[in-house]
Amino acid sequence: LPISTAVLEAGLRREDLDKSTRARLMLELARLLILHRDPDRGRALCNEAYDLAGTIPDRRMTTEADISLHVSYLYAGQAQRALAHCRRALISAGHPDASLSTRARALSGVGHAALDAISIPRGLHWLKRAHQSAEMAEDLATASWISQLLAEGYIELAQWDEAARWTAREIGRAHV
């Protein structure tokens, strides 16, 4: 991990990068920092990438930044702030040029945040929509992750059969 962050940081020091490449590098470094070392710095980089993507303008990149900010706030235990970024990402993902995979990730963000901030049933509702979008996009990694979240939500509700069904779907994808 330190090597990955060092490479991305070195790339960001280059002055010959176009805005899109710089924003992409910022997002990749931010994701690593959020998940492993320095979530505050990762969040700051996400915000910088979001602002930079807005000057291009690059709707896909701003949506990715919102999704990354969502993750950082969820990890920080700030589900309401995470939900705000998911909603913003979902609005962007609703644009005709957005990919189904991006839409699935934005929907899953809303569901994940709703599980923590609003109610489990509302979160499950959004997660089911996200799962359907991920399957339509043939994004198996996102669909598998959403299956896991759905299983966890049903476990919280003590709906063991539904939890087992979603767990089986996740495990079934792991063997594909």
Protein backbone atom coordinates (compact mmCIF):
# COMPACT_ATOMS: atom_id res chain seq x y z
CA LEU A 1 0.00 0.00 0.00
CA PRO A 2 2.72 2.58 0.75
CA ILE A 3 4.16 1.94 -2.71
CA SER A 4 0.77 2.52 -4.35
CA THR A 5 0.22 5.79 -2.53
CA ALA A 6 3.78 6.91 -3.29
CA VAL A 7 3.29 6.26 -7.00
CA LEU A 8 0.01 8.20 -7.07
CA GLU A 9 1.48 11.06 -5.04
CA ALA A 10 4.45 11.25 -7.44
CA GLY A 11 2.04 11.33 -10.36
CA LEU A 12 0.14 14.23 -8.81
CA ARG A 13 3.34 16.27 -8.55
CA ARG A 14 3.71 16.23 -12.34
CA GLU A 15 2.83 19.54 -13.93
CA ASP A 16 2.03 18.18 -17.39
CA LEU A 17 -1.17 16.35 -16.38
CA ASP A 18 -4.46 17.35 -17.94
CA LYS A 19 -7.33 18.10 -15.55
CA SER A 20 -9.09 14.79 -16.15
CA THR A 21 -5.98 12.71 -15.43
CA ARG A 22 -5.19 14.79 -12.35
CA ALA A 23 -8.74 14.32 -11.02
CA ARG A 24 -8.57 10.55 -11.68
CA LEU A 25 -5.23 10.26 -9.82
CA MET A 26 -6.63 12.29 -6.94
CA LEU A 27 -9.65 9.98 -6.68
CA GLU A 28 -7.54 6.83 -6.76
CA LEU A 29 -5.21 8.17 -4.06
CA ALA A 30 -8.19 9.37 -2.03
CA ARG A 31 -9.77 5.91 -2.12
CA LEU A 32 -6.58 4.29 -0.86
CA LEU A 33 -6.24 6.85 1.92
CA ILE A 34 -9.89 6.54 2.93
CA LEU A 35 -9.74 2.76 3.16
CA HIS A 36 -6.33 2.32 4.71
CA ARG A 37 -4.47 5.20 6.27
CA ASP A 38 -5.78 8.72 6.35
CA PRO A 39 -9.53 9.17 5.83
CA ASP A 40 -9.43 12.93 6.50
CA ARG A 41 -6.81 13.52 3.82
CA GLY A 42 -8.71 11.15 1.51
CA ARG A 43 -11.90 13.15 1.99
CA ALA A 44 -10.02 16.39 1.27
CA LEU A 45 -8.62 14.89 -1.95
CA CYS A 46 -12.11 13.71 -2.97
CA ASN A 47 -13.40 17.24 -2.52
CA GLU A 48 -10.53 18.62 -4.61
CA ALA A 49 -11.18 16.03 -7.32
CA TYR A 50 -14.89 16.89 -7.26
CA ASP A 51 -14.13 20.60 -7.72
CA LEU A 52 -11.60 19.87 -10.47
CA ALA A 53 -14.00 17.53 -12.30
CA GLY A 54 -16.61 20.30 -12.20
CA THR A 55 -14.29 22.57 -14.18
CA ILE A 56 -13.82 20.04 -16.99
CA PRO A 57 -16.93 19.28 -16.70
CA ASP A 58 -16.88 15.54 -16.21
CA ARG A 59 -20.14 14.20 -14.79
CA ARG A 60 -18.74 10.67 -14.40
CA MET A 61 -15.79 11.92 -12.37
CA THR A 62 -17.94 14.10 -10.10
CA THR A 63 -20.23 11.11 -9.52
CA GLU A 64 -17.20 8.95 -8.66
CA ALA A 65 -16.01 11.64 -6.23
CA ASP A 66 -19.42 11.71 -4.55
CA ILE A 67 -19.40 7.92 -4.22
CA SER A 68 -15.91 8.05 -2.67
CA LEU A 69 -17.00 10.80 -0.27
CA HIS A 70 -19.99 8.65 0.66
CA VAL A 71 -17.68 5.78 1.59
CA SER A 72 -15.42 8.05 3.63
CA TYR A 73 -18.34 9.42 5.65
CA LEU A 74 -19.80 5.96 6.22
CA TYR A 75 -16.44 4.78 7.57
CA ALA A 76 -16.33 7.86 9.79
CA GLY A 77 -19.76 6.96 11.21
CA GLN A 78 -21.45 9.98 9.61
CA ALA A 79 -24.29 8.30 7.75
CA GLN A 80 -26.32 11.48 7.21
CA ARG A 81 -23.41 13.19 5.44
CA ALA A 82 -22.79 9.99 3.47
CA LEU A 83 -26.42 9.98 2.40
CA ALA A 84 -26.14 13.53 1.06
CA HIS A 85 -23.26 12.50 -1.21
CA CYS A 86 -25.09 9.37 -2.38
CA ARG A 87 -28.11 11.40 -3.33
CA ARG A 88 -25.94 13.82 -5.27
CA ALA A 89 -24.23 10.88 -6.99
CA LEU A 90 -27.61 9.34 -7.76
CA ILE A 91 -28.80 12.54 -9.43
CA SER A 92 -25.68 12.58 -11.60
CA ALA A 93 -25.99 8.86 -12.32
CA GLY A 94 -29.50 9.47 -13.63
CA HIS A 95 -28.11 11.44 -16.57
CA PRO A 96 -28.50 9.65 -19.92
CA ASP A 97 -24.74 9.36 -20.47
CA ALA A 98 -24.14 7.68 -17.07
CA SER A 99 -23.35 3.97 -17.05
CA LEU A 100 -25.63 1.40 -15.44
CA SER A 101 -22.73 0.37 -13.25
CA THR A 102 -22.31 3.90 -11.90
CA ARG A 103 -26.05 4.06 -11.27
CA ALA A 104 -25.90 0.76 -9.38
CA ARG A 105 -23.06 2.04 -7.21
CA ALA A 106 -24.92 5.28 -6.48
CA LEU A 107 -28.11 3.38 -5.62
CA SER A 108 -26.17 1.01 -3.36
CA GLY A 109 -24.65 4.02 -1.63
CA VAL A 110 -28.10 5.37 -0.85
CA GLY A 111 -29.16 1.93 0.42
CA HIS A 112 -26.05 1.49 2.53
CA ALA A 113 -26.41 4.94 4.10
CA ALA A 114 -30.15 4.42 4.63
CA LEU A 115 -29.43 1.18 6.51
CA ASP A 116 -27.37 3.22 8.97
CA ALA A 117 -29.21 6.54 9.02
CA ILE A 118 -32.89 6.00 8.27
CA SER A 119 -34.21 2.45 8.61
CA ILE A 120 -33.27 -1.03 7.60
CA PRO A 121 -36.38 -1.57 5.43
CA ARG A 122 -35.70 1.68 3.49
CA GLY A 123 -32.07 0.65 3.04
CA LEU A 124 -33.11 -2.77 1.76
CA HIS A 125 -35.50 -1.16 -0.72
CA TRP A 126 -32.67 0.91 -2.23
CA LEU A 127 -30.25 -1.99 -2.16
CA LYS A 128 -32.65 -4.19 -4.13
CA ARG A 129 -32.89 -1.47 -6.78
CA ALA A 130 -29.10 -1.22 -6.80
CA HIS A 131 -28.75 -4.98 -7.18
CA GLN A 132 -31.11 -4.99 -10.15
CA SER A 133 -29.07 -2.19 -11.80
CA ALA A 134 -25.80 -4.01 -11.12
CA GLU A 135 -27.16 -7.17 -12.72
CA MET A 136 -28.40 -5.22 -15.74
CA ALA A 137 -24.92 -3.67 -16.03
CA GLU A 138 -23.37 -7.13 -15.64
CA ASP A 139 -21.21 -5.64 -12.88
CA LEU A 140 -20.64 -8.81 -10.87
CA ALA A 141 -18.38 -7.23 -8.25
CA THR A 142 -20.97 -4.57 -7.37
CA ALA A 143 -23.82 -7.11 -7.45
CA SER A 144 -21.90 -9.40 -5.09
CA TRP A 145 -21.13 -6.57 -2.68
CA ILE A 146 -24.81 -5.49 -2.71
CA SER A 147 -25.86 -9.10 -2.05
CA GLN A 148 -23.67 -9.05 1.04
CA LEU A 149 -25.28 -5.80 2.24
CA LEU A 150 -28.73 -7.23 1.63
CA ALA A 151 -27.88 -10.36 3.61
CA GLU A 152 -26.59 -8.24 6.49
CA GLY A 153 -29.76 -6.13 6.45
CA TYR A 154 -31.99 -9.17 6.57
CA ILE A 155 -29.92 -10.61 9.41
CA GLU A 156 -30.56 -7.39 11.34
CA LEU A 157 -34.29 -7.92 10.79
CA ALA A 158 -33.96 -11.59 11.82
CA GLN A 159 -35.32 -12.67 8.44
CA TRP A 160 -33.04 -15.66 8.17
CA ASP A 161 -34.46 -17.16 4.97
CA GLU A 162 -34.01 -13.90 3.05
CA ALA A 163 -30.52 -13.47 4.50
CA ALA A 164 -29.61 -16.98 3.41
CA ARG A 165 -30.99 -16.36 -0.07
CA TRP A 166 -28.85 -13.24 -0.55
CA THR A 167 -25.81 -14.94 0.94
CA ALA A 168 -26.25 -17.81 -1.50
CA ARG A 169 -26.39 -15.32 -4.39
CA GLU A 170 -23.17 -13.69 -3.20
CA ILE A 171 -21.40 -17.04 -2.76
CA GLY A 172 -22.69 -18.24 -6.13
CA ARG A 173 -21.07 -15.24 -7.83
CA ALA A 174 -17.79 -15.89 -6.06
CA HIS A 175 -17.56 -19.23 -7.86
CA VAL A 176 -18.37 -17.87 -11.33
